[in-house]
């Protein structure tokens, strides 16, 4: 099988992660992602990052399978950090409400401890969530995911009852 056909595709391994249902993995992915994205607490983010690294290792995903994806993510993160600083160099100051200048760069751009902390936090958020997405993509059988997701549909009688209560 050519290497291109294997990129970003499901490969079965006998691991506890592969044996979970696709719906379970999706719910865990969404809950952990929301926990990380709504938190600015570095401790929470680091715990999720360590957990996602452990689960990535447990799922036996090889680096060769995700190398291209990792390169794209790194390029995105660097671009995001640069663009964020260029268009909102004071966002960290606005969020945290304090200002500790570390140095003047050029023109209106000052390096502040708050901006560095904000951008580091954002970097850690991505670094903790991206492995979870990779795990979900590479350990979920599409057919099994479709079957487990179809179990969440409401049954016909509850749908008809809803249409009687809320016509139109």
N, C-alpha and C. Protein backbone atom coordinates (compact mmCIF):
# COMPACT_ATOMS: atom_id res chain seq x y z
N UNK A 1 0.85 -1.17 0.00
CA UNK A 1 0.00 0.00 0.00
C UNK A 1 0.89 1.24 0.00
N UNK A 2 0.65 2.19 -0.89
CA UNK A 2 1.48 3.39 -0.94
C UNK A 2 1.36 4.20 0.36
N UNK A 3 2.41 4.94 0.67
CA UNK A 3 2.45 5.70 1.91
C UNK A 3 1.34 6.75 1.98
N UNK A 4 1.02 7.38 0.84
CA UNK A 4 0.00 8.42 0.83
C UNK A 4 -1.35 7.88 1.25
N UNK A 5 -1.64 6.64 0.94
CA UNK A 5 -2.93 6.05 1.31
C UNK A 5 -3.03 5.85 2.81
N UNK A 6 -1.90 5.76 3.50
CA UNK A 6 -1.92 5.51 4.94
C UNK A 6 -2.01 6.78 5.78
N UNK A 7 -1.75 7.94 5.18
CA UNK A 7 -1.76 9.17 5.94
C UNK A 7 -3.14 9.47 6.49
N UNK A 8 -3.20 9.81 7.75
CA UNK A 8 -4.42 10.24 8.43
C UNK A 8 -5.54 9.22 8.35
N UNK A 9 -5.22 7.96 8.24
CA UNK A 9 -6.27 6.96 8.11
C UNK A 9 -6.27 6.03 9.33
N UNK A 10 -7.39 5.38 9.51
CA UNK A 10 -7.57 4.45 10.62
C UNK A 10 -6.73 3.21 10.39
N UNK A 11 -5.95 2.84 11.38
CA UNK A 11 -5.20 1.59 11.36
C UNK A 11 -5.49 0.87 12.68
N UNK A 12 -6.00 -0.32 12.59
CA UNK A 12 -6.38 -1.02 13.81
C UNK A 12 -5.15 -1.56 14.53
N UNK A 13 -5.10 -1.31 15.81
CA UNK A 13 -4.14 -1.90 16.74
C UNK A 13 -4.97 -2.44 17.89
N UNK A 14 -4.45 -3.41 18.59
CA UNK A 14 -5.19 -3.95 19.73
C UNK A 14 -4.79 -3.17 20.98
N UNK A 15 -5.41 -2.00 21.15
CA UNK A 15 -5.14 -1.16 22.33
C UNK A 15 -6.47 -0.82 22.99
N UNK A 16 -6.42 -0.43 24.24
CA UNK A 16 -7.67 -0.02 24.91
C UNK A 16 -8.33 1.17 24.21
N UNK A 17 -7.54 2.04 23.62
CA UNK A 17 -8.10 3.22 22.93
C UNK A 17 -8.83 2.79 21.67
N UNK A 18 -8.27 1.87 20.91
CA UNK A 18 -8.93 1.40 19.70
C UNK A 18 -10.23 0.66 20.03
N UNK A 19 -10.27 0.03 21.18
CA UNK A 19 -11.47 -0.75 21.54
C UNK A 19 -12.63 0.12 22.04
N UNK A 20 -12.36 1.38 22.40
CA UNK A 20 -13.44 2.27 22.79
C UNK A 20 -14.33 2.57 21.59
N UNK A 21 -15.60 2.84 21.83
CA UNK A 21 -16.49 3.18 20.72
C UNK A 21 -16.13 4.57 20.20
N UNK A 22 -16.45 4.81 18.94
CA UNK A 22 -16.18 6.11 18.34
C UNK A 22 -16.90 7.23 19.05
N UNK A 23 -18.13 6.97 19.47
CA UNK A 23 -18.91 7.98 20.18
C UNK A 23 -18.25 8.32 21.52
N UNK A 24 -17.74 7.33 22.22
CA UNK A 24 -17.05 7.57 23.50
C UNK A 24 -15.83 8.44 23.27
N UNK A 25 -15.06 8.14 22.23
CA UNK A 25 -13.87 8.95 21.93
C UNK A 25 -14.25 10.38 21.56
N UNK A 26 -15.33 10.54 20.81
CA UNK A 26 -15.77 11.89 20.43
C UNK A 26 -16.20 12.68 21.65
N UNK A 27 -16.97 12.08 22.53
CA UNK A 27 -17.42 12.77 23.74
C UNK A 27 -16.22 13.16 24.61
N UNK A 28 -15.27 12.25 24.80
CA UNK A 28 -14.07 12.56 25.59
C UNK A 28 -13.27 13.68 24.93
N UNK A 29 -13.11 13.61 23.62
CA UNK A 29 -12.38 14.65 22.88
C UNK A 29 -13.04 16.01 23.08
N UNK A 30 -14.37 16.06 22.93
CA UNK A 30 -15.08 17.34 23.07
C UNK A 30 -15.01 17.86 24.50
N UNK A 31 -15.21 17.00 25.49
CA UNK A 31 -15.17 17.44 26.89
C UNK A 31 -13.79 17.96 27.27
N UNK A 32 -12.74 17.24 26.90
CA UNK A 32 -11.38 17.68 27.23
C UNK A 32 -11.02 18.96 26.47
N UNK A 33 -11.47 19.07 25.22
CA UNK A 33 -11.21 20.28 24.44
C UNK A 33 -11.90 21.48 25.08
N UNK A 34 -13.17 21.33 25.47
CA UNK A 34 -13.87 22.43 26.14
C UNK A 34 -13.19 22.79 27.46
N UNK A 35 -12.76 21.80 28.21
CA UNK A 35 -12.10 22.06 29.49
C UNK A 35 -10.83 22.89 29.28
N UNK A 36 -10.08 22.55 28.26
CA UNK A 36 -8.83 23.28 27.98
C UNK A 36 -9.11 24.66 27.42
N UNK A 37 -10.03 24.77 26.48
CA UNK A 37 -10.26 26.05 25.82
C UNK A 37 -10.94 27.07 26.73
N UNK A 38 -11.72 26.62 27.70
CA UNK A 38 -12.37 27.57 28.60
C UNK A 38 -11.54 27.86 29.85
N UNK A 39 -10.40 27.25 29.97
CA UNK A 39 -9.57 27.45 31.15
C UNK A 39 -8.32 28.23 30.78
N UNK A 40 -7.94 29.14 31.65
CA UNK A 40 -6.65 29.79 31.52
C UNK A 40 -5.71 29.32 32.63
N UNK A 41 -6.10 28.26 33.33
CA UNK A 41 -5.29 27.70 34.40
C UNK A 41 -4.27 26.74 33.80
N UNK A 42 -3.02 27.14 33.88
CA UNK A 42 -1.94 26.35 33.28
C UNK A 42 -1.92 24.93 33.85
N UNK A 43 -2.27 24.78 35.13
CA UNK A 43 -2.25 23.44 35.73
C UNK A 43 -3.23 22.51 35.03
N UNK A 44 -4.42 23.00 34.76
CA UNK A 44 -5.43 22.19 34.06
C UNK A 44 -4.93 21.83 32.66
N UNK A 45 -4.39 22.82 31.98
CA UNK A 45 -3.89 22.60 30.62
C UNK A 45 -2.75 21.58 30.62
N UNK A 46 -1.83 21.70 31.57
CA UNK A 46 -0.71 20.75 31.64
C UNK A 46 -1.17 19.34 31.98
N UNK A 47 -2.17 19.21 32.84
CA UNK A 47 -2.70 17.89 33.17
C UNK A 47 -3.31 17.24 31.94
N UNK A 48 -4.09 18.02 31.17
CA UNK A 48 -4.69 17.48 29.95
C UNK A 48 -3.60 17.17 28.93
N UNK A 49 -2.56 18.00 28.86
CA UNK A 49 -1.46 17.73 27.92
C UNK A 49 -0.74 16.43 28.27
N UNK A 50 -0.46 16.23 29.55
CA UNK A 50 0.18 14.98 29.97
C UNK A 50 -0.73 13.78 29.70
N UNK A 51 -2.02 13.95 29.98
CA UNK A 51 -2.98 12.88 29.73
C UNK A 51 -3.05 12.55 28.24
N UNK A 52 -3.12 13.58 27.39
CA UNK A 52 -3.21 13.32 25.95
C UNK A 52 -1.93 12.68 25.42
N UNK A 53 -0.77 13.07 25.97
CA UNK A 53 0.48 12.42 25.58
C UNK A 53 0.51 10.96 25.98
N UNK A 54 0.00 10.68 27.19
CA UNK A 54 -0.07 9.30 27.67
C UNK A 54 -1.01 8.46 26.80
N UNK A 55 -2.17 9.02 26.47
CA UNK A 55 -3.14 8.30 25.63
C UNK A 55 -2.58 8.10 24.22
N UNK A 56 -1.87 9.09 23.70
CA UNK A 56 -1.24 8.96 22.38
C UNK A 56 -0.24 7.81 22.39
N UNK A 57 0.53 7.71 23.45
CA UNK A 57 1.50 6.62 23.58
C UNK A 57 0.79 5.28 23.72
N UNK A 58 -0.28 5.26 24.52
CA UNK A 58 -1.06 4.05 24.74
C UNK A 58 -1.72 3.55 23.45
N UNK A 59 -2.06 4.46 22.58
CA UNK A 59 -2.75 4.07 21.34
C UNK A 59 -1.79 3.57 20.25
N UNK A 60 -0.49 3.63 20.54
CA UNK A 60 0.54 3.11 19.63
C UNK A 60 0.52 3.77 18.26
N UNK A 61 0.26 5.06 18.23
CA UNK A 61 0.34 5.80 16.97
C UNK A 61 1.80 6.13 16.75
N UNK A 62 2.31 5.75 15.59
CA UNK A 62 3.72 5.98 15.27
C UNK A 62 3.91 7.40 14.74
N UNK A 63 5.07 7.97 15.02
CA UNK A 63 5.37 9.32 14.56
C UNK A 63 5.30 9.40 13.04
N UNK A 64 5.70 8.35 12.35
CA UNK A 64 5.66 8.36 10.88
C UNK A 64 4.23 8.55 10.35
N UNK A 65 3.24 8.13 11.13
CA UNK A 65 1.84 8.31 10.73
C UNK A 65 1.39 9.76 10.85
N UNK A 66 1.97 10.49 11.78
CA UNK A 66 1.48 11.83 12.07
C UNK A 66 2.50 12.93 11.77
N UNK A 67 3.63 12.58 11.19
CA UNK A 67 4.70 13.55 10.95
C UNK A 67 4.21 14.76 10.14
N UNK A 68 3.51 14.51 9.04
CA UNK A 68 3.02 15.61 8.21
C UNK A 68 2.03 16.48 8.98
N UNK A 69 1.16 15.85 9.74
CA UNK A 69 0.19 16.59 10.54
C UNK A 69 0.91 17.45 11.58
N UNK A 70 1.95 16.92 12.20
CA UNK A 70 2.71 17.67 13.20
C UNK A 70 3.38 18.87 12.56
N UNK A 71 3.92 18.69 11.36
CA UNK A 71 4.54 19.81 10.64
C UNK A 71 3.52 20.91 10.37
N UNK A 72 2.33 20.53 9.89
CA UNK A 72 1.27 21.51 9.65
C UNK A 72 0.89 22.24 10.94
N UNK A 73 0.78 21.52 12.02
CA UNK A 73 0.40 22.13 13.30
C UNK A 73 1.48 23.10 13.77
N UNK A 74 2.74 22.73 13.65
CA UNK A 74 3.84 23.61 14.06
C UNK A 74 3.84 24.89 13.22
N UNK A 75 3.67 24.74 11.91
CA UNK A 75 3.60 25.92 11.03
C UNK A 75 2.41 26.80 11.42
N UNK A 76 1.26 26.18 11.68
CA UNK A 76 0.09 26.94 12.11
C UNK A 76 0.36 27.67 13.41
N UNK A 77 0.96 26.99 14.39
CA UNK A 77 1.22 27.61 15.68
C UNK A 77 2.17 28.80 15.57
N UNK A 78 3.22 28.65 14.77
CA UNK A 78 4.16 29.76 14.59
C UNK A 78 3.48 30.93 13.89
N UNK A 79 2.73 30.64 12.84
CA UNK A 79 2.00 31.70 12.12
C UNK A 79 1.00 32.38 13.05
N UNK A 80 0.27 31.59 13.82
CA UNK A 80 -0.71 32.13 14.75
C UNK A 80 -0.06 33.02 15.79
N UNK A 81 1.07 32.61 16.33
CA UNK A 81 1.76 33.40 17.35
C UNK A 81 2.24 34.73 16.77
N UNK A 82 2.79 34.70 15.58
CA UNK A 82 3.29 35.93 14.94
C UNK A 82 2.13 36.87 14.62
N UNK A 83 1.08 36.34 14.01
CA UNK A 83 -0.06 37.17 13.62
C UNK A 83 -0.77 37.72 14.86
N UNK A 84 -0.90 36.91 15.89
CA UNK A 84 -1.51 37.38 17.13
C UNK A 84 -0.72 38.54 17.70
N UNK A 85 0.60 38.43 17.72
CA UNK A 85 1.41 39.50 18.27
C UNK A 85 1.36 40.75 17.38
N UNK A 86 1.36 40.56 16.06
CA UNK A 86 1.33 41.72 15.16
C UNK A 86 0.02 42.48 15.25
N UNK A 87 -1.10 41.78 15.34
CA UNK A 87 -2.41 42.44 15.33
C UNK A 87 -2.95 42.75 16.72
N UNK A 88 -2.45 42.09 17.74
CA UNK A 88 -2.94 42.34 19.11
C UNK A 88 -1.78 42.22 20.11
N UNK A 89 -0.80 43.12 20.02
CA UNK A 89 0.36 42.99 20.90
C UNK A 89 0.05 43.28 22.37
N UNK A 90 -1.13 43.83 22.64
CA UNK A 90 -1.51 44.17 24.02
C UNK A 90 -2.64 43.28 24.54
N UNK A 91 -2.95 42.20 23.85
CA UNK A 91 -4.06 41.35 24.26
C UNK A 91 -3.83 40.74 25.64
N UNK A 92 -2.64 40.31 25.92
CA UNK A 92 -2.32 39.76 27.23
C UNK A 92 -2.51 40.79 28.33
N UNK A 93 -2.14 42.03 28.03
CA UNK A 93 -2.31 43.12 29.00
C UNK A 93 -3.80 43.35 29.25
N UNK A 94 -4.61 43.33 28.18
CA UNK A 94 -6.07 43.51 28.33
C UNK A 94 -6.69 42.38 29.14
N UNK A 95 -6.28 41.15 28.88
CA UNK A 95 -6.88 40.00 29.55
C UNK A 95 -6.54 40.00 31.04
N UNK A 96 -5.26 40.21 31.37
CA UNK A 96 -4.82 40.06 32.75
C UNK A 96 -4.90 41.35 33.56
N UNK A 97 -5.05 42.50 32.88
CA UNK A 97 -5.26 43.75 33.59
C UNK A 97 -4.03 44.35 34.25
N UNK A 98 -2.86 43.85 33.92
CA UNK A 98 -1.61 44.43 34.44
C UNK A 98 -0.66 44.61 33.26
N UNK A 99 0.43 45.35 33.50
CA UNK A 99 1.40 45.57 32.42
C UNK A 99 2.81 45.57 33.02
N UNK A 100 3.60 44.60 32.59
CA UNK A 100 5.00 44.51 33.00
C UNK A 100 5.85 44.44 31.73
N UNK A 101 6.40 45.57 31.35
CA UNK A 101 7.19 45.63 30.12
C UNK A 101 8.53 44.95 30.31
N UNK A 102 8.87 44.11 29.34
CA UNK A 102 10.17 43.45 29.35
C UNK A 102 11.14 44.13 28.40
N UNK A 103 10.57 44.87 27.45
CA UNK A 103 11.43 45.58 26.51
C UNK A 103 10.64 46.15 25.36
N UNK A 104 11.22 47.15 24.71
CA UNK A 104 10.62 47.76 23.53
C UNK A 104 11.21 47.10 22.30
N UNK A 105 10.35 46.67 21.39
CA UNK A 105 10.84 46.01 20.18
C UNK A 105 11.03 47.04 19.07
N UNK A 106 9.92 47.50 18.49
CA UNK A 106 9.99 48.50 17.43
C UNK A 106 8.62 49.15 17.31
N UNK A 107 8.60 50.45 17.07
CA UNK A 107 7.32 51.15 16.91
C UNK A 107 6.42 50.95 18.12
N UNK A 108 5.17 50.53 17.87
CA UNK A 108 4.21 50.38 18.98
C UNK A 108 4.33 49.02 19.70
N UNK A 109 5.32 48.23 19.35
CA UNK A 109 5.42 46.87 19.88
C UNK A 109 6.34 46.80 21.09
N UNK A 110 5.73 46.48 22.22
CA UNK A 110 6.44 46.25 23.47
C UNK A 110 6.25 44.80 23.86
N UNK A 111 7.29 44.19 24.33
CA UNK A 111 7.20 42.82 24.84
C UNK A 111 6.82 42.91 26.30
N UNK A 112 5.67 42.33 26.64
CA UNK A 112 5.22 42.36 28.04
C UNK A 112 5.14 40.94 28.58
N UNK A 113 5.28 40.83 29.89
CA UNK A 113 5.18 39.51 30.55
C UNK A 113 3.78 38.93 30.33
N UNK A 114 2.77 39.80 30.32
CA UNK A 114 1.39 39.34 30.14
C UNK A 114 1.18 38.76 28.75
N UNK A 115 1.75 39.40 27.72
CA UNK A 115 1.61 38.90 26.35
C UNK A 115 2.35 37.57 26.19
N UNK A 116 3.53 37.47 26.79
CA UNK A 116 4.26 36.20 26.74
C UNK A 116 3.49 35.08 27.45
N UNK A 117 2.90 35.42 28.59
CA UNK A 117 2.12 34.43 29.33
C UNK A 117 0.88 34.01 28.54
N UNK A 118 0.20 34.99 27.94
CA UNK A 118 -0.98 34.69 27.13
C UNK A 118 -0.62 33.79 25.95
N UNK A 119 0.44 34.14 25.23
CA UNK A 119 0.81 33.36 24.06
C UNK A 119 1.34 31.98 24.45
N UNK A 120 2.01 31.87 25.57
CA UNK A 120 2.45 30.56 26.05
C UNK A 120 1.25 29.70 26.43
N UNK A 121 0.28 30.32 27.10
CA UNK A 121 -0.93 29.59 27.47
C UNK A 121 -1.66 29.09 26.23
N UNK A 122 -1.76 29.96 25.22
CA UNK A 122 -2.43 29.57 23.98
C UNK A 122 -1.69 28.43 23.28
N UNK A 123 -0.37 28.50 23.27
CA UNK A 123 0.45 27.44 22.68
C UNK A 123 0.22 26.11 23.41
N UNK A 124 0.18 26.17 24.75
CA UNK A 124 -0.04 24.96 25.53
C UNK A 124 -1.45 24.40 25.30
N UNK A 125 -2.42 25.28 25.10
CA UNK A 125 -3.78 24.82 24.82
C UNK A 125 -3.80 23.99 23.53
N UNK A 126 -3.19 24.53 22.48
CA UNK A 126 -3.14 23.78 21.22
C UNK A 126 -2.35 22.49 21.39
N UNK A 127 -1.24 22.56 22.09
CA UNK A 127 -0.39 21.38 22.27
C UNK A 127 -1.08 20.29 23.08
N UNK A 128 -2.06 20.66 23.90
CA UNK A 128 -2.76 19.64 24.67
C UNK A 128 -3.97 19.07 23.93
N UNK A 129 -4.53 19.83 23.00
CA UNK A 129 -5.74 19.39 22.31
C UNK A 129 -5.44 18.68 20.98
N UNK A 130 -4.41 19.10 20.29
CA UNK A 130 -4.09 18.50 18.99
C UNK A 130 -3.84 16.98 19.10
N UNK A 131 -3.09 16.50 20.10
CA UNK A 131 -2.93 15.05 20.21
C UNK A 131 -4.27 14.32 20.39
N UNK A 132 -5.21 14.94 21.09
CA UNK A 132 -6.53 14.32 21.27
C UNK A 132 -7.25 14.18 19.94
N UNK A 133 -7.14 15.21 19.09
CA UNK A 133 -7.73 15.12 17.75
C UNK A 133 -7.06 14.05 16.91
N UNK A 134 -5.76 13.96 17.01
CA UNK A 134 -5.02 12.93 16.27
C UNK A 134 -5.45 11.55 16.74
N UNK A 135 -5.58 11.38 18.04
CA UNK A 135 -6.02 10.10 18.59
C UNK A 135 -7.39 9.74 18.07
N UNK A 136 -8.30 10.71 18.10
CA UNK A 136 -9.66 10.46 17.61
C UNK A 136 -9.64 10.06 16.14
N UNK A 137 -8.90 10.80 15.32
CA UNK A 137 -8.87 10.51 13.87
C UNK A 137 -8.26 9.15 13.56
N UNK A 138 -7.15 8.82 14.21
CA UNK A 138 -6.41 7.63 13.82
C UNK A 138 -6.81 6.35 14.55
N UNK A 139 -7.65 6.46 15.58
CA UNK A 139 -8.04 5.24 16.30
C UNK A 139 -9.52 4.92 16.15
N UNK A 140 -10.24 5.70 15.36
CA UNK A 140 -11.68 5.50 15.22
C UNK A 140 -12.00 4.92 13.85
N UNK A 141 -12.58 3.73 13.86
CA UNK A 141 -13.03 3.10 12.63
C UNK A 141 -14.25 3.87 12.14
N UNK A 142 -14.20 4.43 10.92
CA UNK A 142 -15.33 5.24 10.44
C UNK A 142 -16.66 4.49 10.43
N UNK A 143 -16.66 3.23 10.07
CA UNK A 143 -17.90 2.46 10.05
C UNK A 143 -18.45 2.27 11.46
N UNK A 144 -17.56 1.97 12.41
CA UNK A 144 -18.00 1.78 13.79
C UNK A 144 -18.48 3.10 14.37
N UNK A 145 -17.82 4.20 14.02
CA UNK A 145 -18.24 5.51 14.51
C UNK A 145 -19.63 5.86 13.98
N UNK A 146 -19.87 5.60 12.71
CA UNK A 146 -21.19 5.86 12.14
C UNK A 146 -22.25 5.03 12.85
N UNK A 147 -21.93 3.78 13.13
CA UNK A 147 -22.90 2.91 13.81
C UNK A 147 -23.15 3.38 15.24
N UNK A 148 -22.09 3.76 15.96
CA UNK A 148 -22.29 4.20 17.35
C UNK A 148 -22.97 5.56 17.40
N UNK A 149 -22.72 6.42 16.41
CA UNK A 149 -23.37 7.73 16.40
C UNK A 149 -24.84 7.61 16.02
N UNK A 150 -25.18 6.60 15.22
CA UNK A 150 -26.58 6.45 14.81
C UNK A 150 -27.45 6.01 15.98
N UNK A 151 -26.84 5.48 17.02
CA UNK A 151 -27.61 5.08 18.21
C UNK A 151 -28.12 6.28 18.99
N UNK A 152 -27.63 7.47 18.70
CA UNK A 152 -28.03 8.66 19.45
C UNK A 152 -29.27 9.33 18.88
N UNK A 153 -29.76 8.83 17.75
CA UNK A 153 -30.96 9.44 17.15
C UNK A 153 -32.17 9.21 18.06
N UNK A 154 -33.04 10.23 18.16
CA UNK A 154 -34.26 10.01 18.94
C UNK A 154 -35.18 9.03 18.20
N UNK A 155 -35.93 8.26 18.95
CA UNK A 155 -36.80 7.29 18.29
C UNK A 155 -37.99 8.01 17.64
N UNK A 156 -38.68 7.29 16.80
CA UNK A 156 -39.74 7.87 15.99
C UNK A 156 -40.88 8.43 16.85
N UNK A 157 -41.25 7.75 17.93
CA UNK A 157 -42.39 8.21 18.73
C UNK A 157 -42.07 9.52 19.44
N UNK A 158 -40.84 9.69 19.92
CA UNK A 158 -40.53 10.97 20.57
C UNK A 158 -40.48 12.09 19.54
N UNK A 159 -40.05 11.80 18.32
CA UNK A 159 -40.04 12.82 17.26
C UNK A 159 -41.45 13.23 16.89
N UNK A 160 -42.36 12.26 16.80
CA UNK A 160 -43.73 12.61 16.43
C UNK A 160 -44.40 13.37 17.58
N UNK A 161 -44.08 13.03 18.82
CA UNK A 161 -44.63 13.76 19.96
C UNK A 161 -44.14 15.21 19.95
N UNK A 162 -42.86 15.39 19.63
CA UNK A 162 -42.31 16.73 19.57
C UNK A 162 -43.01 17.55 18.49
N UNK A 163 -43.29 16.94 17.34
CA UNK A 163 -43.95 17.68 16.27
C UNK A 163 -45.39 18.02 16.63
N UNK A 164 -46.02 17.24 17.49
CA UNK A 164 -47.37 17.57 17.94
C UNK A 164 -47.34 18.73 18.92
N UNK A 165 -46.30 18.75 19.76
CA UNK A 165 -46.20 19.82 20.75
C UNK A 165 -45.77 21.13 20.12
N UNK A 166 -44.80 21.06 19.19
CA UNK A 166 -44.28 22.25 18.52
C UNK A 166 -44.58 22.18 17.02
N UNK A 167 -45.80 22.46 16.59
CA UNK A 167 -46.13 22.35 15.16
C UNK A 167 -45.45 23.45 14.36
N UNK A 168 -45.23 23.12 13.11
CA UNK A 168 -44.84 24.12 12.17
C UNK A 168 -43.45 24.37 11.93
